[in-house]
Protein backbone atom coordinates (compact mmCIF):
# COMPACT_ATOMS: atom_id res chain seq x y z
CA UNK A 1 16.65 -11.51 -5.18
CA UNK A 2 13.85 -9.10 -5.96
CA UNK A 3 14.61 -5.45 -5.34
CA UNK A 4 12.00 -3.05 -3.98
CA UNK A 5 12.22 0.23 -5.86
CA UNK A 6 8.68 1.50 -5.29
CA UNK A 7 6.12 0.95 -2.55
CA UNK A 8 2.40 1.53 -2.86
CA UNK A 9 1.07 3.00 0.38
CA UNK A 10 -2.65 2.74 1.09
CA UNK A 11 -3.89 5.03 3.85
CA UNK A 12 -6.65 7.34 5.00
CA UNK A 13 -7.55 10.69 3.49
CA UNK A 14 -8.08 11.85 7.08
CA UNK A 15 -5.53 12.01 9.93
CA UNK A 16 -7.43 9.79 12.37
CA UNK A 17 -7.71 10.42 16.09
CA UNK A 18 -4.31 9.10 17.16
CA UNK A 19 -1.29 11.39 16.62
CA UNK A 20 0.87 8.32 16.08
CA UNK A 21 -0.88 7.67 12.77
CA UNK A 22 0.42 10.90 11.23
CA UNK A 23 3.79 10.50 12.94
CA UNK A 24 4.19 7.04 11.44
CA UNK A 25 3.18 8.25 7.97
CA UNK A 26 5.78 11.01 8.17
CA UNK A 27 8.43 8.62 9.47
CA UNK A 28 7.73 6.10 6.69
CA UNK A 29 7.97 8.80 4.04
CA UNK A 30 11.31 9.99 5.40
CA UNK A 31 12.73 6.46 5.50
CA UNK A 32 11.58 5.74 1.94
CA UNK A 33 13.14 8.94 0.60
CA UNK A 34 16.42 8.38 2.43
CA UNK A 35 16.67 4.86 1.04
CA UNK A 36 15.77 5.84 -2.51
CA UNK A 37 12.41 4.09 -2.65
CA UNK A 38 9.68 5.81 -4.61
CA UNK A 39 6.17 6.27 -3.28
CA UNK A 40 3.10 5.23 -5.27
CA UNK A 41 -0.11 6.36 -3.61
CA UNK A 42 -3.61 7.72 -4.14
CA UNK A 43 -2.60 11.24 -5.11
CA UNK A 44 -4.25 13.30 -2.37
CA UNK A 45 -2.69 16.04 -0.23
CA UNK A 46 -4.83 15.60 2.90
CA UNK A 47 -4.83 13.20 5.84
CA UNK A 48 -2.30 10.38 6.05
CA UNK A 49 -2.06 10.40 2.25
CA UNK A 50 -0.75 13.94 2.29
CA UNK A 51 1.49 13.28 5.30
CA UNK A 52 3.38 10.39 3.74
CA UNK A 53 3.67 12.03 0.31
CA UNK A 54 4.85 15.39 1.63
CA UNK A 55 7.37 13.65 3.85
CA UNK A 56 8.83 11.80 0.87
CA UNK A 57 9.06 15.06 -1.08
CA UNK A 58 10.47 17.03 1.88
CA UNK A 59 13.29 14.50 2.14
CA UNK A 60 14.18 14.51 -1.55
CA UNK A 61 12.27 11.41 -2.61
CA UNK A 62 10.09 10.63 -5.62
CA UNK A 63 6.28 10.52 -5.52
CA UNK A 64 3.82 9.14 -8.05
CA UNK A 65 0.23 10.04 -7.28
CA UNK A 66 -2.60 8.21 -9.04
CA UNK A 67 -6.05 9.66 -8.57
CA UNK A 68 -9.38 9.38 -10.42
CA UNK A 69 -10.69 12.57 -11.92
CA UNK A 70 -13.73 12.77 -9.63
CA UNK A 71 -11.49 12.83 -6.52
CA UNK A 72 -9.03 15.51 -7.61
CA UNK A 73 -10.92 18.27 -5.79
CA UNK A 74 -12.31 16.21 -2.89
CA UNK A 75 -8.87 14.90 -1.90
CA UNK A 76 -6.93 17.98 -3.10
CA UNK A 77 -4.62 16.30 -5.61
CA UNK A 78 -0.98 16.86 -4.68
CA UNK A 79 0.41 19.08 -7.41
CA UNK A 80 3.95 18.90 -6.00
CA UNK A 81 4.40 15.24 -6.90
CA UNK A 82 6.92 14.51 -9.66
CA UNK A 83 4.22 12.49 -11.40
CA UNK A 84 0.46 12.88 -11.00
CA UNK A 85 -1.69 10.54 -13.06
CA UNK A 86 -5.39 11.35 -13.34
CA UNK A 87 -7.41 8.26 -14.26
CA UNK A 88 -10.92 7.83 -15.61
CA UNK A 89 -12.08 5.63 -12.73
CA UNK A 90 -11.10 3.65 -9.64
CA UNK A 91 -10.40 0.48 -11.61
CA UNK A 92 -7.76 2.16 -13.74
CA UNK A 93 -6.28 3.79 -10.65
CA UNK A 94 -5.89 0.49 -8.82
CA UNK A 95 -4.46 -1.29 -11.84
CA UNK A 96 -1.80 1.39 -12.33
CA UNK A 97 -0.97 1.41 -8.62
CA UNK A 98 -0.41 -2.33 -8.82
CA UNK A 99 1.69 -2.19 -11.97
CA UNK A 100 3.97 0.56 -10.66
CA UNK A 101 4.63 -0.97 -7.24
CA UNK A 102 6.96 -3.66 -5.92
CA UNK A 103 5.27 -3.94 -2.53
CA UNK A 104 2.22 -2.70 -0.62
CA UNK A 105 1.84 -1.10 2.79
CA UNK A 106 -1.46 -0.34 4.51
CA UNK A 107 -1.27 2.45 7.07
CA UNK A 108 -4.41 3.17 9.11
CA UNK A 109 -7.38 4.23 7.02
CA UNK A 110 -11.05 3.73 6.28
CA UNK A 111 -13.15 1.63 3.93
CA UNK A 112 -11.17 2.62 0.84
CA UNK A 113 -7.89 1.62 2.47
CA UNK A 114 -9.42 -1.65 3.63
CA UNK A 115 -10.80 -2.39 0.17
CA UNK A 116 -7.44 -1.80 -1.51
CA UNK A 117 -5.61 -3.93 1.04
CA UNK A 118 -8.06 -6.81 0.82
CA UNK A 119 -7.97 -6.72 -2.98
CA UNK A 120 -4.21 -7.23 -2.95
CA UNK A 121 -4.57 -10.06 -0.43
CA UNK A 122 -7.18 -11.64 -2.69
CA UNK A 123 -5.01 -11.41 -5.80
CA UNK A 124 -2.08 -12.86 -3.85
CA UNK A 125 -4.19 -15.74 -2.54
CA UNK A 126 -5.40 -16.51 -6.07
CA UNK A 127 -1.82 -16.65 -7.29
CA UNK A 128 -1.92 -13.49 -9.39
CA UNK A 129 1.14 -11.97 -7.69
CA UNK A 130 3.62 -12.51 -4.86
CA UNK A 131 4.53 -8.91 -4.08
CA UNK A 132 4.89 -8.34 -0.32
CA UNK A 133 1.88 -6.92 1.53
CA UNK A 134 2.29 -5.36 4.97
CA UNK A 135 -0.13 -3.94 7.50
CA UNK A 136 1.39 -1.09 9.50
CA UNK A 137 -0.29 -2.06 12.75
CA UNK A 138 0.26 1.29 14.47
CA UNK A 139 -1.09 1.12 18.03
CA UNK A 140 -2.87 -2.13 17.06
CA UNK A 141 -5.03 -0.38 14.44
CA UNK A 142 -5.28 -3.51 12.25
CA UNK A 143 -5.73 -5.95 15.14
CA UNK A 144 -9.50 -6.47 14.52
CA UNK A 145 -8.80 -7.40 10.88
CA UNK A 146 -5.97 -9.73 11.86
CA UNK A 147 -8.32 -11.44 14.30
CA UNK A 148 -10.97 -11.74 11.59
CA UNK A 149 -8.45 -13.36 9.25
CA UNK A 150 -7.57 -15.87 11.97
CA UNK A 151 -11.29 -16.54 12.44
CA UNK A 152 -11.72 -17.10 8.69
CA UNK A 153 -8.82 -19.56 8.79
CA UNK A 154 -10.17 -21.41 11.83
CA UNK A 155 -13.62 -21.75 10.26
CA UNK A 156 -12.12 -23.07 7.00
CA UNK A 157 -13.14 -20.16 4.77
CA UNK A 158 -9.44 -19.59 4.27
CA UNK A 159 -8.47 -23.16 3.55
CA UNK A 160 -5.11 -24.61 4.71
CA UNK A 161 -3.99 -24.89 1.09
CA UNK A 162 -4.54 -21.18 0.41
CA UNK A 163 -1.66 -18.85 1.21
CA UNK A 164 -2.20 -15.75 3.32
CA UNK A 165 1.15 -14.03 3.45
CA UNK A 166 0.39 -10.78 5.23
CA UNK A 167 3.22 -9.06 7.04
CA UNK A 168 2.82 -6.74 10.02
CA UNK A 169 4.95 -4.06 11.62
CA UNK A 170 4.23 -1.99 14.71
CA UNK A 171 6.75 0.74 13.84
CA UNK A 172 7.60 2.59 10.64
CA UNK A 173 11.26 1.62 11.12
CA UNK A 174 10.42 -2.08 10.77
CA UNK A 175 8.48 -1.82 7.51
CA UNK A 176 11.28 -1.78 4.93
CA UNK A 177 13.35 -4.61 6.45
CA UNK A 178 10.31 -6.89 6.52
CA UNK A 179 9.28 -6.02 2.98
CA UNK A 180 12.81 -6.63 1.70
CA UNK A 181 13.06 -9.98 3.45
CA UNK A 182 9.77 -11.08 1.88
CA UNK A 183 10.70 -9.74 -1.56
CA UNK A 184 13.91 -11.76 -1.50
CA UNK A 185 11.75 -14.90 -1.56
CA UNK A 186 9.60 -13.83 -4.50
CA UNK A 187 10.62 -14.42 -8.10
CA UNK A 188 10.41 -11.62 -10.63
CA UNK A 189 8.01 -13.63 -12.76
CA UNK A 190 5.60 -14.21 -9.89
CA UNK A 191 5.44 -10.46 -9.26
CA UNK A 192 3.74 -9.79 -12.59
CA UNK A 193 -0.01 -9.73 -12.89
CA UNK A 194 -1.20 -11.78 -15.85
CA UNK A 195 -2.11 -9.39 -18.71
CA UNK A 196 -5.48 -11.01 -19.30
CA UNK A 197 -6.35 -10.45 -15.63
CA UNK A 198 -5.17 -6.84 -15.69
CA UNK A 199 -7.52 -5.99 -18.54
CA UNK A 200 -10.50 -7.18 -16.52
CA UNK A 201 -9.78 -5.35 -13.23
């Protein structure tokens, strides 16, 4: 059985218009801290990014922030994190986030959140990893994307032979149980990105 020790959370650098988005980020951070699961995230202190990270810290958990140098001021890098890694560019940031995480959760967010989520889905589909990926579908935020994925499948752009193992949860409380259930099915070897691929990200 694979054990989840760290989770990479992708989410918006803004709070969004729905109070439930921030509430869910705070709830997830609290749950992670209480269960001894470290947070790996984009390193900012604003929006949902700041909400989940500060919640982990407020509840005694561990936070690793990974942020490119050009975003340290724009997203107000969280100096209170136990570990803050400043990278040269986005590619290095994403590679390190992948390497340091056992699973991925996408809270509501914008284009950057979508891009990071879809990249992990792509790598999974191409067989580069089998780490669990979950969309936190708070108040149906990800429903349009889930419908698009179904459309891609029905029009044969996602072929029947290609896996698309995306988990969903409507509540923060359901996230960890679903990730753990999926991780139990993944082998430790399958969770590792091939070194030659990592150098080209």
